[in-house]
Amino acid sequence: MTTKQEKTKPQTPKAADKQGQPTAVIKKTSNFLAWFTILLVFIASGGGYFAYIQLQQQSMNQSELSLKNHQDALSQAASLLKTNQSLSANLTALTEQFNRAQLISNDKVARIEKQVSKNKRQWLIAEAQYLVNLANIRLQLVGDVETAIIALQSADTRLKQNGDPLTFKIRDQLAKEISRLKNAPQPDLVGISAQLIALESLVGHMHVHTPHAGKAQAAHIGSSPSMPQNVQETIDNAWENFSKLIVIRRHDKPLAATMTPEQVELIKQNLALKLEAARLALINQDQALYLACINITSQWITDYFDPTDKTVVLVTSELAQLKGLTIKASYPSIALSLKMLNELPILAIEEQQTVSSRAIAKEQESKPLANPSTLQQPATELP
């Protein structure tokens, strides 16, 4: 309608401009407001949707965290229950171990108190028993006769101080055993050892009878420094020197090979080693090894050394004397006195009194004790 009016009524340019400017401004303003409103609506919708998504994500995270905490709480409860069971088992095992150890210690304390409460006579009998046992050990294992005699004499002194009539027979047996030990033949080990050492020193002075380098086989020709006085002496000297040029050999006997000085020295060193081995066997009282070493030494001297040499004759006679000696003595038995001491009525009564307590102690000791390292370890708690 306005358009029609504009067509029918022409207006001047100035009037047209004045009327058109406010209308255009109003249109632009209304369009801007419309678009701004639409933009705000979109922004508000996007913000709301984003907030909804964030809220939903946070809710899901809270649910997962709550579920995880619940599972952790359940696992910790199971771990605590397992730890409690393990500690209970360990406590039970340690309690049983403590009870067994207490029973054993009580028995040992009771035995110690009983030993302490012995009177003087009982202690004297116990000392005599120990001394007789020591004498048997020293005699049978070491062959120490002197120590065995001293121990038996000390045991007899203890029984004398005891004064109990029950020990009179034991003292008689101790006297017999001491007398037998004193009269027992004992080899002179020190003397025999000294003889072997002396023979070792003589080996280096013996001469071999077989030819060897360095030994003169014939006299030097023309060794006489004197000049002949007449024709007869000249003839005699000439015949003597001529006869030395002739060597008579017997072909019906084998010829001995010539030995070097090193071989001769080796033979002498081996002989010294054989005598040293015989001395070692003497110290250990090994009769078989001792005789074997002496026989081998005698055989070597016969095979290699000159039997007419004085040193060889002396060594051979000494070896023959040493061969007939007995280096291991047979000692009498002294076990009867120890048996009689063990069977004394006083000791038998005490032994019967301690049978029950020892049986209990052995029964407790036979049970395996709990080893702390093998006990169940508590389970590790989760954080």
Protein backbone atom coordinates (compact mmCIF):
# COMPACT_ATOMS: atom_id res chain seq x y z
CA MET A 1 0.00 0.00 0.00
CA THR A 2 2.78 2.28 0.71
CA THR A 3 4.24 1.37 -2.61
CA LYS A 4 1.15 2.48 -4.35
CA GLN A 5 1.23 5.77 -2.61
CA GLU A 6 4.82 6.22 -3.59
CA LYS A 7 3.87 5.55 -7.14
CA THR A 8 0.90 7.92 -7.17
CA LYS A 9 2.44 10.66 -5.17
CA PRO A 10 5.90 11.49 -6.18
CA GLN A 11 8.02 12.87 -3.47
CA THR A 12 11.09 14.89 -3.50
CA PRO A 13 14.46 13.15 -2.94
CA LYS A 14 15.06 14.87 0.39
CA ALA A 15 11.72 13.82 1.78
CA ALA A 16 12.28 10.25 0.61
CA ASP A 17 15.65 10.05 2.31
CA LYS A 18 14.28 11.35 5.60
CA GLN A 19 11.53 8.74 5.66
CA GLY A 20 13.69 5.70 4.55
CA GLN A 21 16.56 6.00 7.05
CA PRO A 22 14.63 5.13 10.27
CA THR A 23 12.93 2.20 8.60
CA ALA A 24 16.23 0.61 7.51
CA VAL A 25 17.76 1.09 10.97
CA ILE A 26 14.75 -0.52 12.60
CA LYS A 27 14.94 -3.51 10.23
CA LYS A 28 18.64 -4.02 10.86
CA THR A 29 18.17 -3.80 14.60
CA SER A 30 15.34 -6.27 14.61
CA ASN A 31 17.32 -8.75 12.48
CA PHE A 32 20.35 -8.47 14.75
CA LEU A 33 18.23 -9.10 17.80
CA ALA A 34 16.62 -12.09 16.18
CA TRP A 35 19.93 -13.68 15.25
CA PHE A 36 21.38 -12.88 18.63
CA THR A 37 18.41 -14.48 20.31
CA ILE A 38 18.77 -17.57 18.16
CA LEU A 39 22.49 -17.71 18.97
CA LEU A 40 21.81 -17.45 22.66
CA VAL A 41 19.28 -20.24 22.40
CA PHE A 42 21.82 -22.48 20.66
CA ILE A 43 24.52 -21.60 23.18
CA ALA A 44 22.20 -22.28 26.07
CA SER A 45 21.14 -25.60 24.53
CA GLY A 46 24.78 -26.64 23.96
CA GLY A 47 25.75 -25.62 27.50
CA GLY A 48 22.86 -27.56 28.95
CA TYR A 49 23.70 -30.63 26.90
CA PHE A 50 27.37 -30.40 27.91
CA ALA A 51 26.42 -30.02 31.56
CA TYR A 52 24.12 -33.04 31.25
CA ILE A 53 26.92 -35.13 29.72
CA GLN A 54 29.37 -34.05 32.45
CA LEU A 55 26.87 -34.82 35.16
CA GLN A 56 26.18 -38.25 33.69
CA GLN A 57 29.94 -38.99 33.36
CA GLN A 58 30.56 -37.89 36.95
CA SER A 59 27.74 -40.12 38.12
CA MET A 60 29.23 -43.10 36.29
CA ASN A 61 32.68 -42.37 37.77
CA GLN A 62 31.21 -42.19 41.24
CA SER A 63 29.49 -45.55 40.70
CA GLU A 64 32.71 -47.21 39.48
CA LEU A 65 34.71 -45.75 42.38
CA SER A 66 32.10 -46.95 44.84
CA LEU A 67 32.20 -50.44 43.31
CA LYS A 68 36.00 -50.52 43.40
CA ASN A 69 36.05 -49.41 47.03
CA HIS A 70 33.55 -52.13 47.85
CA GLN A 71 35.74 -54.77 46.15
CA ASP A 72 38.86 -53.49 47.94
CA ALA A 73 37.04 -53.65 51.24
CA LEU A 74 36.03 -57.26 50.53
CA SER A 75 39.63 -58.26 49.59
CA GLN A 76 41.02 -56.56 52.70
CA ALA A 77 38.47 -58.37 54.84
CA ALA A 78 39.49 -61.72 53.28
CA SER A 79 43.20 -60.89 53.80
CA LEU A 80 42.59 -59.95 57.43
CA LEU A 81 40.69 -63.19 57.96
CA LYS A 82 43.55 -65.22 56.44
CA THR A 83 46.11 -63.33 58.53
CA ASN A 84 44.09 -64.00 61.66
CA GLN A 85 43.96 -67.72 60.89
CA SER A 86 47.73 -67.83 60.20
CA LEU A 87 48.51 -66.01 63.44
CA SER A 88 46.24 -68.36 65.34
CA ALA A 89 48.03 -71.41 63.87
CA ASN A 90 51.45 -69.91 64.65
CA LEU A 91 50.38 -69.10 68.18
CA THR A 92 49.17 -72.67 68.70
CA ALA A 93 52.44 -74.15 67.39
CA LEU A 94 54.55 -71.82 69.52
CA THR A 95 52.47 -72.65 72.56
CA GLU A 96 53.04 -76.39 72.03
CA GLN A 97 56.76 -75.80 71.51
CA PHE A 98 56.97 -73.74 74.67
CA ASN A 99 55.17 -76.41 76.67
CA ARG A 100 57.53 -79.16 75.43
CA ALA A 101 60.60 -77.03 76.07
CA GLN A 102 59.33 -76.24 79.54
CA LEU A 103 58.86 -79.93 80.32
CA ILE A 104 62.37 -80.76 79.09
CA SER A 105 63.94 -77.88 81.02
CA ASN A 106 62.05 -78.88 84.17
CA ASP A 107 63.37 -82.43 83.87
CA LYS A 108 66.93 -81.21 83.33
CA VAL A 109 66.70 -78.83 86.27
CA ALA A 110 65.42 -81.66 88.44
CA ARG A 111 68.33 -83.89 87.37
CA ILE A 112 70.82 -81.10 88.08
CA GLU A 113 69.29 -80.53 91.51
CA LYS A 114 69.52 -84.24 92.17
CA GLN A 115 73.18 -84.29 91.17
CA VAL A 116 73.92 -81.28 93.34
CA SER A 117 72.13 -82.83 96.29
CA LYS A 118 74.41 -85.91 96.25
CA ASN A 119 76.46 -86.51 99.31
CA LYS A 120 80.22 -86.76 99.40
CA ARG A 121 80.34 -90.54 99.13
CA GLN A 122 78.23 -90.57 95.99
CA TRP A 123 80.49 -87.96 94.41
CA LEU A 124 83.57 -90.04 95.24
CA ILE A 125 82.05 -93.10 93.57
CA ALA A 126 81.15 -91.02 90.49
CA GLU A 127 84.71 -89.70 90.28
CA ALA A 128 86.15 -93.22 90.59
CA GLN A 129 83.84 -94.40 87.82
CA TYR A 130 85.00 -91.55 85.56
CA LEU A 131 88.68 -92.28 86.26
CA VAL A 132 88.34 -96.01 85.53
CA ASN A 133 86.51 -95.22 82.29
CA LEU A 134 89.32 -92.81 81.34
CA ALA A 135 91.94 -95.49 82.05
CA ASN A 136 90.15 -97.93 79.72
CA ILE A 137 89.95 -95.36 76.94
CA ARG A 138 93.63 -94.38 77.18
CA LEU A 139 94.78 -98.00 77.28
CA GLN A 140 92.65 -99.38 74.45
CA LEU A 141 92.77 -96.44 72.03
CA VAL A 142 96.20 -94.93 72.64
CA GLY A 143 98.12 -97.66 74.48
CA ASP A 144 99.08 -95.18 77.20
CA VAL A 145 99.94 -97.53 80.07
CA GLU A 146 101.33 -94.86 82.39
CA THR A 147 98.20 -92.72 82.22
CA ALA A 148 96.01 -95.80 82.72
CA ILE A 149 97.96 -96.77 85.84
CA ILE A 150 97.73 -93.24 87.27
CA ALA A 151 93.96 -93.10 86.58
CA LEU A 152 93.39 -96.48 88.28
CA GLN A 153 95.44 -95.43 91.30
CA SER A 154 93.42 -92.20 91.54
CA ALA A 155 90.19 -94.19 91.36
CA ASP A 156 91.43 -96.46 94.17
CA THR A 157 92.17 -93.35 96.25
CA ARG A 158 88.60 -92.09 95.73
CA LEU A 159 87.16 -95.43 96.80
CA LYS A 160 89.44 -95.43 99.84
CA GLN A 161 88.09 -92.01 100.84
CA ASN A 162 84.55 -93.30 100.34
CA GLY A 163 85.03 -96.10 102.89
CA ASP A 164 81.91 -98.00 101.85
CA PRO A 165 82.25 -101.79 102.36
CA LEU A 166 80.63 -102.31 98.98
CA THR A 167 83.73 -100.89 97.32
CA PHE A 168 86.22 -103.32 98.90
CA LYS A 169 85.91 -105.89 96.10
CA ILE A 170 86.32 -103.14 93.52
CA ARG A 171 89.51 -101.97 95.22
CA ASP A 172 90.86 -105.53 95.13
CA GLN A 173 90.14 -105.71 91.39
CA LEU A 174 91.80 -102.34 90.83
CA ALA A 175 94.92 -103.55 92.64
CA LYS A 176 95.08 -106.64 90.41
CA GLU A 177 94.67 -104.57 87.24
CA ILE A 178 97.35 -102.08 88.32
CA SER A 179 99.76 -104.96 89.03
CA ARG A 180 99.06 -106.55 85.62
CA LEU A 181 99.66 -103.26 83.84
CA LYS A 182 102.94 -102.70 85.66
CA ASN A 183 104.16 -106.21 84.79
CA ALA A 184 102.96 -106.10 81.18
CA PRO A 185 105.85 -106.26 78.67
CA GLN A 186 106.26 -102.99 76.85
CA PRO A 187 108.42 -102.50 73.76
CA ASP A 188 111.18 -99.92 74.02
CA LEU A 189 109.88 -97.69 71.25
CA VAL A 190 112.33 -94.91 72.02
CA GLY A 191 115.33 -97.27 71.92
CA ILE A 192 114.24 -98.92 68.68
CA SER A 193 113.66 -95.53 67.11
CA ALA A 194 117.16 -94.43 68.14
CA GLN A 195 118.61 -97.60 66.54
CA LEU A 196 116.82 -96.89 63.26
CA ILE A 197 118.11 -93.31 63.22
CA ALA A 198 121.65 -94.58 63.79
CA LEU A 199 121.28 -97.04 60.90
CA GLU A 200 120.14 -94.23 58.64
CA SER A 201 123.37 -92.37 59.35
CA LEU A 202 125.44 -95.49 58.55
CA VAL A 203 123.87 -96.07 55.14
CA GLY A 204 125.95 -93.31 53.55
CA HIS A 205 129.21 -95.03 54.61
CA MET A 206 128.47 -98.41 53.05
CA HIS A 207 130.20 -99.50 49.81
CA VAL A 208 128.49 -101.27 46.92
CA HIS A 209 130.02 -104.47 45.56
CA THR A 210 128.98 -103.97 41.92
CA PRO A 211 131.27 -101.94 39.60
CA HIS A 212 130.43 -98.27 39.33
CA ALA A 213 131.97 -95.14 37.97
CA GLY A 214 134.69 -93.65 40.17
CA LYS A 215 135.78 -96.99 41.64
CA ALA A 216 139.26 -98.25 40.70
CA GLN A 217 139.17 -101.64 39.05
CA ALA A 218 142.98 -102.21 38.84
CA ALA A 219 146.13 -100.67 40.24
CA HIS A 220 148.02 -98.09 38.18
CA ILE A 221 150.88 -99.53 36.13
CA GLY A 222 154.25 -98.36 37.17
CA SER A 223 153.16 -96.96 40.44
CA SER A 224 156.34 -97.99 42.22
CA PRO A 225 158.45 -94.85 42.67
CA SER A 226 161.68 -96.71 43.58
CA MET A 227 164.26 -97.42 40.92
CA PRO A 228 165.51 -101.00 40.48
CA GLN A 229 168.94 -101.64 42.03
CA ASN A 230 169.94 -104.61 39.93
CA VAL A 231 168.92 -106.68 36.96
CA GLN A 232 166.78 -109.06 39.01
CA GLU A 233 164.65 -106.24 40.39
CA THR A 234 164.27 -104.85 36.90
CA ILE A 235 163.02 -108.21 35.67
CA ASP A 236 160.63 -108.57 38.64
CA ASN A 237 159.18 -105.11 38.09
CA ALA A 238 158.74 -105.74 34.41
CA TRP A 239 156.94 -109.04 35.09
CA GLU A 240 154.69 -107.41 37.69
CA ASN A 241 153.73 -104.61 35.33
CA PHE A 242 153.18 -107.08 32.51
CA SER A 243 150.92 -109.26 34.67
CA LYS A 244 148.77 -106.23 35.51
CA LEU A 245 148.06 -105.79 31.83
CA ILE A 246 146.34 -109.17 31.78
CA VAL A 247 142.73 -109.30 33.18
CA ILE A 248 141.17 -112.70 33.79
CA ARG A 249 137.39 -112.82 33.35
CA ARG A 250 135.06 -115.72 34.06
CA HIS A 251 132.49 -116.08 31.29
CA ASP A 252 130.38 -118.63 33.19
CA LYS A 253 128.97 -115.80 35.39
CA PRO A 254 126.90 -112.78 34.23
CA LEU A 255 128.74 -109.48 34.17
CA ALA A 256 127.36 -106.76 36.45
CA ALA A 257 126.46 -103.51 34.74
CA THR A 258 128.45 -100.48 35.78
CA MET A 259 126.41 -98.10 37.93
CA THR A 260 126.75 -94.34 37.88
CA PRO A 261 127.38 -92.38 41.10
CA GLU A 262 123.82 -91.04 40.85
CA GLN A 263 122.42 -94.58 40.90
CA VAL A 264 124.52 -95.48 43.93
CA GLU A 265 123.34 -92.36 45.75
CA LEU A 266 119.72 -93.15 44.80
CA ILE A 267 120.03 -96.64 46.30
CA LYS A 268 121.38 -95.21 49.54
CA GLN A 269 118.59 -92.61 49.70
CA ASN A 270 115.98 -95.32 49.16
CA LEU A 271 117.47 -97.36 51.97
CA ALA A 272 117.27 -94.32 54.26
CA LEU A 273 113.62 -93.83 53.27
CA LYS A 274 112.86 -97.50 54.04
CA LEU A 275 114.38 -97.12 57.49
CA GLU A 276 112.35 -93.93 58.03
CA ALA A 277 109.18 -95.80 56.99
CA ALA A 278 110.05 -98.52 59.51
CA ARG A 279 110.41 -95.82 62.17
CA LEU A 280 107.00 -94.39 61.28
CA ALA A 281 105.46 -97.87 61.50
CA LEU A 282 107.15 -98.22 64.90
CA ILE A 283 105.47 -95.04 66.15
CA ASN A 284 102.08 -96.24 64.88
CA GLN A 285 102.80 -99.76 66.26
CA ASP A 286 102.09 -101.31 62.87
CA GLN A 287 103.90 -104.65 63.15
CA ALA A 288 103.27 -105.76 59.55
CA LEU A 289 104.56 -102.55 57.95
CA TYR A 290 107.54 -102.48 60.31
CA LEU A 291 108.65 -106.02 59.37
CA ALA A 292 108.07 -105.32 55.66
CA CYS A 293 110.34 -102.27 55.73
CA ILE A 294 113.06 -104.13 57.66
CA ASN A 295 112.95 -107.09 55.23
CA ILE A 296 113.15 -104.86 52.15
CA THR A 297 116.11 -102.98 53.63
CA SER A 298 117.95 -106.23 54.40
CA GLN A 299 117.30 -107.55 50.87
CA TRP A 300 118.62 -104.37 49.25
CA ILE A 301 121.78 -104.46 51.35
CA THR A 302 122.35 -108.08 50.30
CA ASP A 303 121.79 -107.28 46.61
CA TYR A 304 123.84 -104.08 46.23
CA PHE A 305 126.39 -103.73 49.02
CA ASP A 306 129.68 -105.42 49.77
CA PRO A 307 129.16 -108.08 52.47
CA THR A 308 132.79 -107.85 53.54
CA ASP A 309 132.51 -104.16 54.40
CA LYS A 310 132.52 -103.58 58.18
CA THR A 311 129.72 -101.04 58.01
CA VAL A 312 127.58 -103.41 55.95
CA VAL A 313 128.19 -106.23 58.44
CA LEU A 314 127.20 -103.96 61.35
CA VAL A 315 124.03 -102.73 59.66
CA THR A 316 123.04 -106.29 58.68
CA SER A 317 123.41 -107.53 62.26
CA GLU A 318 121.41 -104.59 63.62
CA LEU A 319 118.62 -105.24 61.14
CA ALA A 320 118.53 -108.93 62.08
CA GLN A 321 118.14 -107.92 65.73
CA LEU A 322 115.40 -105.38 64.96
CA LYS A 323 113.54 -107.93 62.86
CA GLY A 324 112.94 -110.18 65.86
CA LEU A 325 111.38 -107.44 68.04
CA THR A 326 107.66 -107.08 68.73
CA ILE A 327 106.61 -103.45 68.64
CA LYS A 328 102.91 -103.91 69.45
CA ALA A 329 102.25 -105.12 72.98
CA SER A 330 99.03 -106.87 74.04
CA TYR A 331 97.71 -105.11 77.13
CA PRO A 332 95.59 -106.86 79.79
CA SER A 333 91.92 -106.00 80.11
CA ILE A 334 90.88 -103.57 82.87
CA ALA A 335 87.18 -103.49 82.05
CA LEU A 336 86.04 -105.64 85.01
CA SER A 337 86.54 -102.87 87.57
CA LEU A 338 84.48 -100.48 85.46
CA LYS A 339 81.70 -103.06 85.20
CA MET A 340 81.71 -103.56 88.97
CA LEU A 341 81.48 -99.80 89.52
CA ASN A 342 78.53 -99.51 87.13
CA GLU A 343 76.73 -102.30 88.99
CA LEU A 344 77.04 -100.75 92.45
CA PRO A 345 73.67 -100.83 94.31
CA ILE A 346 73.85 -97.10 95.07
CA LEU A 347 74.16 -96.20 91.42
CA ALA A 348 71.52 -98.78 90.46
CA ILE A 349 68.97 -97.22 92.88
CA GLU A 350 69.66 -93.75 91.52
CA GLU A 351 69.31 -95.04 87.98
CA GLN A 352 65.92 -96.57 88.76
CA GLN A 353 64.73 -93.31 90.28
CA THR A 354 65.61 -91.35 87.16
CA VAL A 355 64.15 -93.83 84.64
CA SER A 356 60.69 -92.26 84.64
CA SER A 357 61.93 -88.70 84.27
CA ARG A 358 64.36 -89.65 81.49
CA ALA A 359 61.60 -91.53 79.66
CA ILE A 360 59.40 -88.46 79.75
CA ALA A 361 62.26 -86.26 78.57
CA LYS A 362 63.07 -88.62 75.68
CA GLU A 363 59.41 -88.77 74.68
CA GLN A 364 59.23 -84.98 74.61
CA GLU A 365 62.53 -84.66 72.75
CA SER A 366 61.39 -87.18 70.13
CA LYS A 367 58.57 -84.86 69.10
CA PRO A 368 59.68 -82.42 66.42
CA LEU A 369 59.89 -78.87 67.67
CA ALA A 370 58.29 -76.15 65.63
CA ASN A 371 60.82 -74.24 63.61
CA PRO A 372 60.01 -70.52 63.55
CA SER A 373 61.24 -70.28 59.98
CA THR A 374 58.72 -72.93 58.84
CA LEU A 375 55.70 -71.33 60.51
CA GLN A 376 53.07 -69.81 58.22
CA GLN A 377 53.83 -66.22 57.38
CA PRO A 378 50.95 -63.73 57.71
CA ALA A 379 49.44 -62.64 54.43
CA THR A 380 50.43 -59.18 53.20
CA GLU A 381 47.64 -56.66 53.64
CA LEU A 382 46.48 -54.74 50.62
CA PRO A 383 46.68 -50.95 50.78
